[in-house]
Amino acid sequence: CTSFWAIAKIFGSPVPWQTYIRTWGITYIPTLLCALIVAFTENYFFLFWNSPFWSLFFSIAFVGLLIWKAILYILFFMEVAQLSRGKLVGALVLGGIAIVLLASINMLIALKTPIL
């Protein structure tokens, strides 16, 4: 949240940090759903082993959640940070770099469920 605030500030967002803190939680709904699915499938993997239906279902669910998360990040920069056009694209590129760095930290400390 703080890194997105800093990125938005670089691109001229007038919104204070407190607003980011109050609205950041909406981007965690897909992450929570991913965490629940991962926990469920890891604990009960034997139910889904060699099942084409469940493989397809969970693959679609994960891709859908990732697309939802990306859309929420775009809306977050547009609506909360009040960025548009070139500034929005620049903020999304820097935000993507920040996400890759955080994902690398996740990998280094061996987290299976993303905290992004």
C-alpha atoms as a PDB file:
ATOM      1  CA  CYS A   1       0.000   0.000   0.000  1.00  0.00           C
ATOM      2  CA  THR A   2       2.777   2.385   0.922  1.00  0.00           C
ATOM      3  CA  SER A   3       4.737   1.530  -2.223  1.00  0.00           C
ATOM      4  CA  PHE A   4       1.648   2.249  -4.358  1.00  0.00           C
ATOM      5  CA  TRP A   5       1.209   5.559  -2.511  1.00  0.00           C
ATOM      6  CA  ALA A   6       4.856   6.463  -3.192  1.00  0.00           C
ATOM      7  CA  ILE A   7       4.514   5.482  -6.858  1.00  0.00           C
ATOM      8  CA  ALA A   8       1.343   7.563  -7.208  1.00  0.00           C
ATOM      9  CA  LYS A   9       3.082  10.521  -5.519  1.00  0.00           C
ATOM     10  CA  ILE A  10       5.902  10.266  -8.077  1.00  0.00           C
ATOM     11  CA  PHE A  11       3.266  10.690 -10.782  1.00  0.00           C
ATOM     12  CA  GLY A  12       1.544  13.603  -9.047  1.00  0.00           C
ATOM     13  CA  SER A  13      -1.291  12.102  -7.026  1.00  0.00           C
ATOM     14  CA  PRO A  14      -2.720  14.625  -4.543  1.00  0.00           C
ATOM     15  CA  VAL A  15      -4.297  11.925  -2.343  1.00  0.00           C
ATOM     16  CA  PRO A  16      -3.001  11.564   1.247  1.00  0.00           C
ATOM     17  CA  TRP A  17      -1.575   8.272   2.572  1.00  0.00           C
ATOM     18  CA  GLN A  18      -4.520   7.813   4.979  1.00  0.00           C
ATOM     19  CA  THR A  19      -6.889   7.440   2.008  1.00  0.00           C
ATOM     20  CA  TYR A  20      -4.743   4.597   0.656  1.00  0.00           C
ATOM     21  CA  ILE A  21      -4.813   2.838   4.017  1.00  0.00           C
ATOM     22  CA  ARG A  22      -8.626   3.086   4.187  1.00  0.00           C
ATOM     23  CA  THR A  23      -9.195   1.773   0.637  1.00  0.00           C
ATOM     24  CA  TRP A  24      -6.370  -0.756   0.183  1.00  0.00           C
ATOM     25  CA  GLY A  25      -8.358  -3.654   1.633  1.00  0.00           C
ATOM     26  CA  ILE A  26     -10.552  -4.004  -1.474  1.00  0.00           C
ATOM     27  CA  THR A  27      -7.538  -5.312  -3.407  1.00  0.00           C
ATOM     28  CA  TYR A  28      -7.116  -8.148  -0.905  1.00  0.00           C
ATOM     29  CA  ILE A  29     -10.434  -9.888  -1.622  1.00  0.00           C
ATOM     30  CA  PRO A  30      -8.973 -11.914  -4.562  1.00  0.00           C
ATOM     31  CA  THR A  31      -5.833 -12.640  -2.522  1.00  0.00           C
ATOM     32  CA  LEU A  32      -7.954 -14.015   0.308  1.00  0.00           C
ATOM     33  CA  LEU A  33      -9.839 -16.234  -2.136  1.00  0.00           C
ATOM     34  CA  CYS A  34      -6.534 -17.488  -3.599  1.00  0.00           C
ATOM     35  CA  ALA A  35      -5.246 -18.261  -0.111  1.00  0.00           C
ATOM     36  CA  LEU A  36      -8.385 -20.245   0.723  1.00  0.00           C
ATOM     37  CA  ILE A  37      -8.228 -22.216  -2.528  1.00  0.00           C
ATOM     38  CA  VAL A  38      -4.517 -22.979  -2.081  1.00  0.00           C
ATOM     39  CA  ALA A  39      -5.011 -24.058   1.534  1.00  0.00           C
ATOM     40  CA  PHE A  40      -7.985 -26.246   0.603  1.00  0.00           C
ATOM     41  CA  THR A  41      -6.292 -27.907  -2.368  1.00  0.00           C
ATOM     42  CA  GLU A  42      -3.061 -28.515  -0.424  1.00  0.00           C
ATOM     43  CA  ASN A  43      -4.880 -30.135   2.483  1.00  0.00           C
ATOM     44  CA  TYR A  44      -7.174 -32.231   0.288  1.00  0.00           C
ATOM     45  CA  PHE A  45      -4.965 -32.748  -2.778  1.00  0.00           C
ATOM     46  CA  PHE A  46      -5.817 -36.447  -2.856  1.00  0.00           C
ATOM     47  CA  LEU A  47      -9.413 -35.530  -3.780  1.00  0.00           C
ATOM     48  CA  PHE A  48      -8.238 -33.675  -6.893  1.00  0.00           C
ATOM     49  CA  TRP A  49      -5.356 -35.912  -7.982  1.00  0.00           C
ATOM     50  CA  ASN A  50      -5.512 -36.805 -11.709  1.00  0.00           C
ATOM     51  CA  SER A  51      -8.869 -35.101 -12.191  1.00  0.00           C
ATOM     52  CA  PRO A  52      -9.108 -33.111 -15.439  1.00  0.00           C
ATOM     53  CA  PHE A  53     -12.279 -31.375 -14.257  1.00  0.00           C
ATOM     54  CA  TRP A  54     -10.785 -30.065 -11.005  1.00  0.00           C
ATOM     55  CA  SER A  55      -7.506 -29.143 -12.717  1.00  0.00           C
ATOM     56  CA  LEU A  56      -9.420 -27.077 -15.249  1.00  0.00           C
ATOM     57  CA  PHE A  57     -11.682 -25.585 -12.568  1.00  0.00           C
ATOM     58  CA  PHE A  58      -8.852 -24.454 -10.273  1.00  0.00           C
ATOM     59  CA  SER A  59      -6.745 -23.184 -13.201  1.00  0.00           C
ATOM     60  CA  ILE A  60      -9.639 -21.029 -14.393  1.00  0.00           C
ATOM     61  CA  ALA A  61     -10.287 -19.863 -10.819  1.00  0.00           C
ATOM     62  CA  PHE A  62      -6.667 -18.792 -10.322  1.00  0.00           C
ATOM     63  CA  VAL A  63      -6.434 -17.001 -13.672  1.00  0.00           C
ATOM     64  CA  GLY A  64      -9.762 -15.281 -13.026  1.00  0.00           C
ATOM     65  CA  LEU A  65      -8.609 -14.125  -9.600  1.00  0.00           C
ATOM     66  CA  LEU A  66      -5.361 -12.771 -11.049  1.00  0.00           C
ATOM     67  CA  ILE A  67      -7.255 -10.848 -13.730  1.00  0.00           C
ATOM     68  CA  TRP A  68      -9.610  -9.501 -11.055  1.00  0.00           C
ATOM     69  CA  LYS A  69      -6.615  -8.411  -8.969  1.00  0.00           C
ATOM     70  CA  ALA A  70      -5.043  -6.618 -11.957  1.00  0.00           C
ATOM     71  CA  ILE A  71      -8.305  -4.789 -12.672  1.00  0.00           C
ATOM     72  CA  LEU A  72      -8.524  -3.727  -9.016  1.00  0.00           C
ATOM     73  CA  TYR A  73      -4.971  -2.334  -9.176  1.00  0.00           C
ATOM     74  CA  ILE A  74      -5.868  -0.319 -12.294  1.00  0.00           C
ATOM     75  CA  LEU A  75      -9.050   0.983 -10.657  1.00  0.00           C
ATOM     76  CA  PHE A  76      -7.086   1.763  -7.505  1.00  0.00           C
ATOM     77  CA  PHE A  77      -4.630   3.966  -9.405  1.00  0.00           C
ATOM     78  CA  MET A  78      -7.426   5.586 -11.431  1.00  0.00           C
ATOM     79  CA  GLU A  79      -9.988   6.223  -8.702  1.00  0.00           C
ATOM     80  CA  VAL A  80      -8.028   6.459  -5.457  1.00  0.00           C
ATOM     81  CA  ALA A  81      -4.757   7.939  -6.738  1.00  0.00           C
ATOM     82  CA  GLN A  82      -6.620  10.017  -9.362  1.00  0.00           C
ATOM     83  CA  LEU A  83      -4.116   9.264 -12.138  1.00  0.00           C
ATOM     84  CA  SER A  84      -4.965   9.182 -15.836  1.00  0.00           C
ATOM     85  CA  ARG A  85      -3.413   8.469 -19.239  1.00  0.00           C
ATOM     86  CA  GLY A  86       0.400   8.537 -19.295  1.00  0.00           C
ATOM     87  CA  LYS A  87       0.721   8.959 -15.549  1.00  0.00           C
ATOM     88  CA  LEU A  88      -1.532   5.929 -15.031  1.00  0.00           C
ATOM     89  CA  VAL A  89       0.558   3.807 -17.409  1.00  0.00           C
ATOM     90  CA  GLY A  90       3.785   4.898 -15.697  1.00  0.00           C
ATOM     91  CA  ALA A  91       2.354   4.139 -12.267  1.00  0.00           C
ATOM     92  CA  LEU A  92       1.193   0.704 -13.444  1.00  0.00           C
ATOM     93  CA  VAL A  93       4.663  -0.098 -14.818  1.00  0.00           C
ATOM     94  CA  LEU A  94       6.344   0.948 -11.566  1.00  0.00           C
ATOM     95  CA  GLY A  95       3.635  -0.872  -9.598  1.00  0.00           C
ATOM     96  CA  GLY A  96       4.367  -4.006 -11.642  1.00  0.00           C
ATOM     97  CA  ILE A  97       8.046  -3.719 -10.772  1.00  0.00           C
ATOM     98  CA  ALA A  98       7.135  -3.334  -7.080  1.00  0.00           C
ATOM     99  CA  ILE A  99       4.924  -6.438  -7.302  1.00  0.00           C
ATOM    100  CA  VAL A 100       7.747  -8.445  -8.916  1.00  0.00           C
ATOM    101  CA  LEU A 101      10.085  -7.369  -6.092  1.00  0.00           C
ATOM    102  CA  LEU A 102       7.532  -8.365  -3.447  1.00  0.00           C
ATOM    103  CA  ALA A 103       6.916 -11.673  -5.221  1.00  0.00           C
ATOM    104  CA  SER A 104      10.676 -12.302  -5.157  1.00  0.00           C
ATOM    105  CA  ILE A 105      10.678 -11.717  -1.413  1.00  0.00           C
ATOM    106  CA  ASN A 106       7.743 -14.171  -1.118  1.00  0.00           C
ATOM    107  CA  MET A 107       9.794 -16.740  -3.002  1.00  0.00           C
ATOM    108  CA  LEU A 108      12.923 -16.125  -0.915  1.00  0.00           C
ATOM    109  CA  ILE A 109      11.074 -16.721   2.343  1.00  0.00           C
ATOM    110  CA  ALA A 110       9.229 -19.711   0.805  1.00  0.00           C
ATOM    111  CA  LEU A 111       5.645 -18.454   1.084  1.00  0.00           C
ATOM    112  CA  LYS A 112       3.291 -20.569  -0.991  1.00  0.00           C
ATOM    113  CA  THR A 113       0.351 -18.162  -0.913  1.00  0.00           C
ATOM    114  CA  PRO A 114       1.015 -14.672  -2.279  1.00  0.00           C
ATOM    115  CA  ILE A 115       0.682 -11.783   0.148  1.00  0.00           C
ATOM    116  CA  LEU A 116       0.469  -9.167  -2.603  1.00  0.00           C
END
